[in-house]
C-alpha atoms as a PDB file:
ATOM      1  CA  MET A   1     110.246 103.123  66.950  1.00  0.00           C
ATOM      2  CA  LYS A   2     111.055 106.474  68.479  1.00  0.00           C
ATOM      3  CA  LYS A   3     111.695 106.985  72.175  1.00  0.00           C
ATOM      4  CA  ARG A   4     108.616 109.179  72.589  1.00  0.00           C
ATOM      5  CA  THR A   5     106.363 106.570  70.966  1.00  0.00           C
ATOM      6  CA  PHE A   6     107.822 103.848  73.175  1.00  0.00           C
ATOM      7  CA  ASN A   7     107.246 105.963  76.293  1.00  0.00           C
ATOM      8  CA  ASN A   8     103.649 106.686  75.309  1.00  0.00           C
ATOM      9  CA  ILE A   9     102.932 103.011  74.698  1.00  0.00           C
ATOM     10  CA  MET A  10     104.394 102.037  78.083  1.00  0.00           C
ATOM     11  CA  ILE A  11     102.399 104.744  79.889  1.00  0.00           C
ATOM     12  CA  LEU A  12      99.220 103.574  78.167  1.00  0.00           C
ATOM     13  CA  LEU A  13      99.897  99.944  79.131  1.00  0.00           C
ATOM     14  CA  VAL A  14     100.502 100.849  82.773  1.00  0.00           C
ATOM     15  CA  ALA A  15      97.330 102.957  82.857  1.00  0.00           C
ATOM     16  CA  ILE A  16      95.256 100.125  81.386  1.00  0.00           C
ATOM     17  CA  LEU A  17      96.763  97.645  83.847  1.00  0.00           C
ATOM     18  CA  LEU A  18      96.028  99.892  86.840  1.00  0.00           C
ATOM     19  CA  VAL A  19      92.454 100.554  85.710  1.00  0.00           C
ATOM     20  CA  MET A  20      91.845  96.822  85.282  1.00  0.00           C
ATOM     21  CA  LEU A  21      93.318  96.019  88.692  1.00  0.00           C
ATOM     22  CA  ASN A  22      91.181  98.745  90.252  1.00  0.00           C
ATOM     23  CA  GLN A  23      88.006  97.455  88.591  1.00  0.00           C
ATOM     24  CA  PHE A  24      88.575  93.973  90.024  1.00  0.00           C
ATOM     25  CA  ASP A  25      89.503  95.362  93.475  1.00  0.00           C
ATOM     26  CA  LEU A  26      92.940  93.778  93.280  1.00  0.00           C
ATOM     27  CA  LEU A  27      94.947  96.886  94.150  1.00  0.00           C
ATOM     28  CA  GLU A  28      94.271  96.543  97.865  1.00  0.00           C
ATOM     29  CA  LYS A  29      94.900  92.812  97.900  1.00  0.00           C
ATOM     30  CA  SER A  30      98.134  92.912  95.907  1.00  0.00           C
ATOM     31  CA  ALA A  31      99.722  96.022  97.393  1.00  0.00           C
ATOM     32  CA  LYS A  32     102.646  93.975  98.687  1.00  0.00           C
ATOM     33  CA  PHE A  33     103.494  92.929  95.116  1.00  0.00           C
ATOM     34  CA  MET A  34     103.529  96.449  93.624  1.00  0.00           C
ATOM     35  CA  LEU A  35     107.330  96.543  93.654  1.00  0.00           C
ATOM     36  CA  ILE A  36     107.513  93.801  91.010  1.00  0.00           C
ATOM     37  CA  PRO A  37     105.963  95.844  88.131  1.00  0.00           C
ATOM     38  CA  ILE A  38     107.954  98.909  89.182  1.00  0.00           C
ATOM     39  CA  LEU A  39     111.144  96.861  89.012  1.00  0.00           C
ATOM     40  CA  ALA A  40     110.149  95.405  85.636  1.00  0.00           C
ATOM     41  CA  PHE A  41     109.488  98.861  84.186  1.00  0.00           C
ATOM     42  CA  TYR A  42     112.809 100.066  85.587  1.00  0.00           C
ATOM     43  CA  TYR A  43     114.621  97.439  83.521  1.00  0.00           C
ATOM     44  CA  ILE A  44     112.436  98.154  80.479  1.00  0.00           C
ATOM     45  CA  GLY A  45     113.389 101.818  80.851  1.00  0.00           C
ATOM     46  CA  GLN A  46     117.083 100.948  80.969  1.00  0.00           C
ATOM     47  CA  PHE A  47     116.698  98.844  77.822  1.00  0.00           C
ATOM     48  CA  ALA A  48     114.833 101.660  76.051  1.00  0.00           C
ATOM     49  CA  GLU A  49     117.465 104.204  77.037  1.00  0.00           C
ATOM     50  CA  ARG A  50     120.228 102.071  75.543  1.00  0.00           C
ATOM     51  CA  LYS A  51     118.245 101.266  72.411  1.00  0.00           C
ATOM     52  CA  PHE A  52     117.065 104.808  71.651  1.00  0.00           C
ATOM     53  CA  GLN A  53     120.243 106.748  72.423  1.00  0.00           C
ATOM     54  CA  LYS A  54     121.163 109.372  69.889  1.00  0.00           C
END
């Protein structure tokens, strides 16, 4: 899997997650937990950078 494909998949997953949370009105209720997904994607990004280095 190429780095660009991986990035596009991750962006699509985040967009779908945010749309779903918005549809169920959970974004306002769970605002204090927003740091957890950001932290998870930070570590996923580090893993992807190591894996897809040229």
